[in-house]
Amino acid sequence: MQPQPFDLDRIRNRIRSNGGARIERGGGREYSITACIAASGSTFAEAQQRADEVRFVVSGRRISADGPSSGNWNVQFVVQAPDNVDISVETSNGPIGIDGVSGRIDARAANGPIGIDDASGDITARAQNGPISVRGRRGRFDVDTANGPISIELSGSRWDGRL
């Protein structure tokens, strides 16, 4: 399957089971989104049926995943984004990874970690029951977590921006 370009400013990952999102810098001016579905069952056929029931909804400039209310399944979105993004991502029971992206980013995770590596711009990160880690050297960051640690690693001799 070929990647399909999306013109998005918000990515919403609504998952009833485990699921996550990774936002990384792409090479072009468009977004590329890959969705990786995993499902389990007592037989291969049962797992395949659960995976087949996962649906992706594109509504305006939002994308979400939904699936069966019973059973084990998860979706991991991998988003390649252009420079100067304006993106919002939410996960439930899954991680958020942000790598090398610049722009305005709002990341919210319930029961999962948030990792931010070499990102810049205005970045808000909120985690509930999960850690937040930041590694970089520039940007305006507003991070907060309930029931999880925050770690910040400077990847240079100074920070350019506000933490």
C-alpha atoms as a PDB file:
ATOM      1  CA  MET A   1       0.000   0.000   0.000  1.00  0.00           C
ATOM      2  CA  GLN A   2       1.325   3.430  -0.936  1.00  0.00           C
ATOM      3  CA  PRO A   3       1.424   6.241   1.651  1.00  0.00           C
ATOM      4  CA  GLN A   4      -1.491   8.656   1.264  1.00  0.00           C
ATOM      5  CA  PRO A   5      -0.878  12.387   1.869  1.00  0.00           C
ATOM      6  CA  PHE A   6      -3.071  14.070   4.495  1.00  0.00           C
ATOM      7  CA  ASP A   7      -3.487  17.775   5.161  1.00  0.00           C
ATOM      8  CA  LEU A   8      -3.944  17.608   8.930  1.00  0.00           C
ATOM      9  CA  ASP A   9      -3.341  19.877  11.843  1.00  0.00           C
ATOM     10  CA  ARG A  10      -4.724  17.509  14.483  1.00  0.00           C
ATOM     11  CA  ILE A  11      -4.190  13.823  14.917  1.00  0.00           C
ATOM     12  CA  ARG A  12      -6.403  12.243  17.500  1.00  0.00           C
ATOM     13  CA  ASN A  13      -5.690   8.701  18.510  1.00  0.00           C
ATOM     14  CA  ARG A  14      -8.740   7.401  20.397  1.00  0.00           C
ATOM     15  CA  ILE A  15      -8.133   3.824  21.323  1.00  0.00           C
ATOM     16  CA  ARG A  16     -10.011   1.730  23.864  1.00  0.00           C
ATOM     17  CA  SER A  17      -7.116  -0.672  24.220  1.00  0.00           C
ATOM     18  CA  ASN A  18      -3.371  -0.145  24.060  1.00  0.00           C
ATOM     19  CA  GLY A  19      -2.254   2.213  21.346  1.00  0.00           C
ATOM     20  CA  GLY A  20       0.249   4.912  20.673  1.00  0.00           C
ATOM     21  CA  ALA A  21       1.597   7.485  18.279  1.00  0.00           C
ATOM     22  CA  ARG A  22       5.017   8.488  17.023  1.00  0.00           C
ATOM     23  CA  ILE A  23       5.501  11.873  15.347  1.00  0.00           C
ATOM     24  CA  GLU A  24       8.767  12.271  13.455  1.00  0.00           C
ATOM     25  CA  ARG A  25      10.208  14.734  10.990  1.00  0.00           C
ATOM     26  CA  GLY A  26       9.532  13.750   7.417  1.00  0.00           C
ATOM     27  CA  GLY A  27      11.407  14.693   4.311  1.00  0.00           C
ATOM     28  CA  GLY A  28       8.690  16.604   2.476  1.00  0.00           C
ATOM     29  CA  ARG A  29       5.957  19.193   2.836  1.00  0.00           C
ATOM     30  CA  GLU A  30       3.109  16.736   3.452  1.00  0.00           C
ATOM     31  CA  TYR A  31       2.126  14.396   6.245  1.00  0.00           C
ATOM     32  CA  SER A  32       2.515  10.664   5.824  1.00  0.00           C
ATOM     33  CA  ILE A  33       0.636   8.429   8.265  1.00  0.00           C
ATOM     34  CA  THR A  34       1.199   4.726   8.727  1.00  0.00           C
ATOM     35  CA  ALA A  35      -1.102   2.777  11.026  1.00  0.00           C
ATOM     36  CA  CYS A  36       0.206  -0.480  12.457  1.00  0.00           C
ATOM     37  CA  ILE A  37      -2.545  -2.774  13.761  1.00  0.00           C
ATOM     38  CA  ALA A  38      -1.901  -5.650  16.154  1.00  0.00           C
ATOM     39  CA  ALA A  39      -4.504  -8.017  17.554  1.00  0.00           C
ATOM     40  CA  SER A  40      -4.526 -11.253  19.489  1.00  0.00           C
ATOM     41  CA  GLY A  41      -6.986 -14.051  20.026  1.00  0.00           C
ATOM     42  CA  SER A  42      -7.110 -17.685  21.026  1.00  0.00           C
ATOM     43  CA  THR A  43      -6.794 -18.574  17.332  1.00  0.00           C
ATOM     44  CA  PHE A  44      -5.257 -16.858  14.339  1.00  0.00           C
ATOM     45  CA  ALA A  45      -8.736 -16.438  12.836  1.00  0.00           C
ATOM     46  CA  GLU A  46      -9.994 -14.703  16.000  1.00  0.00           C
ATOM     47  CA  ALA A  47      -7.017 -12.326  16.006  1.00  0.00           C
ATOM     48  CA  GLN A  48      -7.514 -11.609  12.297  1.00  0.00           C
ATOM     49  CA  GLN A  49     -11.205 -10.867  12.889  1.00  0.00           C
ATOM     50  CA  ARG A  50     -10.337  -8.352  15.628  1.00  0.00           C
ATOM     51  CA  ALA A  51      -7.768  -6.672  13.392  1.00  0.00           C
ATOM     52  CA  ASP A  52     -10.321  -6.508  10.566  1.00  0.00           C
ATOM     53  CA  GLU A  53     -12.787  -4.726  12.891  1.00  0.00           C
ATOM     54  CA  VAL A  54     -10.405  -1.806  13.500  1.00  0.00           C
ATOM     55  CA  ARG A  55     -11.608   1.264  11.633  1.00  0.00           C
ATOM     56  CA  PHE A  56      -9.887   4.526  10.806  1.00  0.00           C
ATOM     57  CA  VAL A  57     -11.988   7.658  10.719  1.00  0.00           C
ATOM     58  CA  VAL A  58     -10.843  10.787   8.913  1.00  0.00           C
ATOM     59  CA  SER A  59     -13.132  13.656   9.871  1.00  0.00           C
ATOM     60  CA  GLY A  60     -12.084  17.011   8.504  1.00  0.00           C
ATOM     61  CA  ARG A  61      -8.494  17.359   9.616  1.00  0.00           C
ATOM     62  CA  ARG A  62      -8.592  14.632  12.294  1.00  0.00           C
ATOM     63  CA  ILE A  63      -7.798  10.949  12.209  1.00  0.00           C
ATOM     64  CA  SER A  64      -8.724   8.373  14.826  1.00  0.00           C
ATOM     65  CA  ALA A  65      -8.833   4.613  15.271  1.00  0.00           C
ATOM     66  CA  ASP A  66     -11.660   2.615  16.788  1.00  0.00           C
ATOM     67  CA  GLY A  67     -12.096  -1.098  17.205  1.00  0.00           C
ATOM     68  CA  PRO A  68     -13.927  -3.905  18.955  1.00  0.00           C
ATOM     69  CA  SER A  69     -14.934  -3.243  22.553  1.00  0.00           C
ATOM     70  CA  SER A  70     -13.866  -6.728  23.588  1.00  0.00           C
ATOM     71  CA  GLY A  71     -10.569  -8.365  22.864  1.00  0.00           C
ATOM     72  CA  ASN A  72      -6.969  -7.366  22.628  1.00  0.00           C
ATOM     73  CA  TRP A  73      -6.010  -5.040  19.800  1.00  0.00           C
ATOM     74  CA  ASN A  74      -3.911  -1.917  19.424  1.00  0.00           C
ATOM     75  CA  VAL A  75      -2.932   0.649  16.849  1.00  0.00           C
ATOM     76  CA  GLN A  76       0.337   2.523  16.599  1.00  0.00           C
ATOM     77  CA  PHE A  77       0.246   5.600  14.353  1.00  0.00           C
ATOM     78  CA  VAL A  78       3.564   6.623  12.817  1.00  0.00           C
ATOM     79  CA  VAL A  79       3.343  10.154  11.434  1.00  0.00           C
ATOM     80  CA  GLN A  80       6.008  11.760   9.285  1.00  0.00           C
ATOM     81  CA  ALA A  81       5.423  15.504   9.514  1.00  0.00           C
ATOM     82  CA  PRO A  82       6.818  18.543   7.701  1.00  0.00           C
ATOM     83  CA  ASP A  83       8.547  21.433   9.454  1.00  0.00           C
ATOM     84  CA  ASN A  84       6.460  23.951  11.416  1.00  0.00           C
ATOM     85  CA  VAL A  85       3.624  21.583  12.259  1.00  0.00           C
ATOM     86  CA  ASP A  86       0.528  22.431  14.250  1.00  0.00           C
ATOM     87  CA  ILE A  87      -0.424  19.055  15.640  1.00  0.00           C
ATOM     88  CA  SER A  88      -2.305  17.581  18.573  1.00  0.00           C
ATOM     89  CA  VAL A  89      -2.083  13.923  19.547  1.00  0.00           C
ATOM     90  CA  GLU A  90      -3.874  11.988  22.293  1.00  0.00           C
ATOM     91  CA  THR A  91      -3.364   8.397  23.345  1.00  0.00           C
ATOM     92  CA  SER A  92      -4.940   6.117  25.878  1.00  0.00           C
ATOM     93  CA  ASN A  93      -2.879   3.235  27.287  1.00  0.00           C
ATOM     94  CA  GLY A  94      -0.039   3.871  24.891  1.00  0.00           C
ATOM     95  CA  PRO A  95       3.108   5.924  24.362  1.00  0.00           C
ATOM     96  CA  ILE A  96       3.683   9.125  22.444  1.00  0.00           C
ATOM     97  CA  GLY A  97       7.057   9.679  20.804  1.00  0.00           C
ATOM     98  CA  ILE A  98       8.037  12.992  19.212  1.00  0.00           C
ATOM     99  CA  ASP A  99      11.333  13.083  17.323  1.00  0.00           C
ATOM    100  CA  GLY A 100      12.959  15.952  15.425  1.00  0.00           C
ATOM    101  CA  VAL A 101       9.718  17.865  14.809  1.00  0.00           C
ATOM    102  CA  SER A 102       9.361  21.655  14.959  1.00  0.00           C
ATOM    103  CA  GLY A 103       6.221  23.730  15.409  1.00  0.00           C
ATOM    104  CA  ARG A 104       3.277  23.773  17.796  1.00  0.00           C
ATOM    105  CA  ILE A 105       2.657  20.379  19.397  1.00  0.00           C
ATOM    106  CA  ASP A 106       0.119  19.339  22.029  1.00  0.00           C
ATOM    107  CA  ALA A 107       0.679  15.781  23.323  1.00  0.00           C
ATOM    108  CA  ARG A 108      -1.571  14.118  25.910  1.00  0.00           C
ATOM    109  CA  ALA A 109      -1.207  10.552  27.157  1.00  0.00           C
ATOM    110  CA  ALA A 110      -3.316   8.661  29.673  1.00  0.00           C
ATOM    111  CA  ASN A 111      -1.511   5.627  31.118  1.00  0.00           C
ATOM    112  CA  GLY A 112       1.470   5.968  28.833  1.00  0.00           C
ATOM    113  CA  PRO A 113       4.804   7.750  28.545  1.00  0.00           C
ATOM    114  CA  ILE A 114       5.675  10.767  26.422  1.00  0.00           C
ATOM    115  CA  GLY A 115       9.169  10.987  24.946  1.00  0.00           C
ATOM    116  CA  ILE A 116      10.317  14.180  23.214  1.00  0.00           C
ATOM    117  CA  ASP A 117      13.659  14.067  21.421  1.00  0.00           C
ATOM    118  CA  ASP A 118      15.213  17.031  19.591  1.00  0.00           C
ATOM    119  CA  ALA A 119      11.875  18.782  18.988  1.00  0.00           C
ATOM    120  CA  SER A 120      11.468  22.559  18.996  1.00  0.00           C
ATOM    121  CA  GLY A 121       8.734  25.168  18.995  1.00  0.00           C
ATOM    122  CA  ASP A 122       5.801  25.520  21.404  1.00  0.00           C
ATOM    123  CA  ILE A 123       5.350  22.089  22.945  1.00  0.00           C
ATOM    124  CA  THR A 124       2.798  21.102  25.567  1.00  0.00           C
ATOM    125  CA  ALA A 125       2.969  17.602  27.055  1.00  0.00           C
ATOM    126  CA  ARG A 126       0.554  16.184  29.630  1.00  0.00           C
ATOM    127  CA  ALA A 127       0.741  12.649  30.998  1.00  0.00           C
ATOM    128  CA  GLN A 128      -1.432  10.888  33.512  1.00  0.00           C
ATOM    129  CA  ASN A 129       0.109   7.787  35.086  1.00  0.00           C
ATOM    130  CA  GLY A 130       3.177   8.012  32.902  1.00  0.00           C
ATOM    131  CA  PRO A 131       6.581   9.671  32.667  1.00  0.00           C
ATOM    132  CA  ILE A 132       7.657  12.511  30.400  1.00  0.00           C
ATOM    133  CA  SER A 133      11.204  12.700  29.081  1.00  0.00           C
ATOM    134  CA  VAL A 134      12.634  15.618  27.123  1.00  0.00           C
ATOM    135  CA  ARG A 135      15.981  15.633  25.334  1.00  0.00           C
ATOM    136  CA  GLY A 136      17.010  18.651  23.329  1.00  0.00           C
ATOM    137  CA  ARG A 137      18.396  22.153  23.367  1.00  0.00           C
ATOM    138  CA  ARG A 138      15.714  24.586  22.218  1.00  0.00           C
ATOM    139  CA  GLY A 139      12.021  25.417  22.311  1.00  0.00           C
ATOM    140  CA  ARG A 140       9.243  26.498  24.648  1.00  0.00           C
ATOM    141  CA  PHE A 141       8.106  23.499  26.671  1.00  0.00           C
ATOM    142  CA  ASP A 142       5.210  23.180  29.104  1.00  0.00           C
ATOM    143  CA  VAL A 143       5.261  19.677  30.619  1.00  0.00           C
ATOM    144  CA  ASP A 144       3.250  18.202  33.473  1.00  0.00           C
ATOM    145  CA  THR A 145       2.533  14.693  34.682  1.00  0.00           C
ATOM    146  CA  ALA A 146       0.392  13.155  37.397  1.00  0.00           C
ATOM    147  CA  ASN A 147       1.847   9.976  38.902  1.00  0.00           C
ATOM    148  CA  GLY A 148       5.009   9.959  36.826  1.00  0.00           C
ATOM    149  CA  PRO A 149       8.482  11.485  36.747  1.00  0.00           C
ATOM    150  CA  ILE A 150       9.764  14.199  34.415  1.00  0.00           C
ATOM    151  CA  SER A 151      13.316  13.978  33.100  1.00  0.00           C
ATOM    152  CA  ILE A 152      15.082  16.632  31.041  1.00  0.00           C
ATOM    153  CA  GLU A 153      18.403  16.047  29.313  1.00  0.00           C
ATOM    154  CA  LEU A 154      20.228  18.957  27.709  1.00  0.00           C
ATOM    155  CA  SER A 155      21.852  17.989  24.404  1.00  0.00           C
ATOM    156  CA  GLY A 156      24.229  20.937  24.330  1.00  0.00           C
ATOM    157  CA  SER A 157      25.755  23.487  26.643  1.00  0.00           C
ATOM    158  CA  ARG A 158      22.636  25.683  26.914  1.00  0.00           C
ATOM    159  CA  TRP A 159      18.878  25.803  26.414  1.00  0.00           C
ATOM    160  CA  ASP A 160      17.431  28.271  23.876  1.00  0.00           C
ATOM    161  CA  GLY A 161      13.859  28.972  24.898  1.00  0.00           C
ATOM    162  CA  ARG A 162      11.726  28.381  27.954  1.00  0.00           C
ATOM    163  CA  LEU A 163      11.204  25.250  29.986  1.00  0.00           C
END
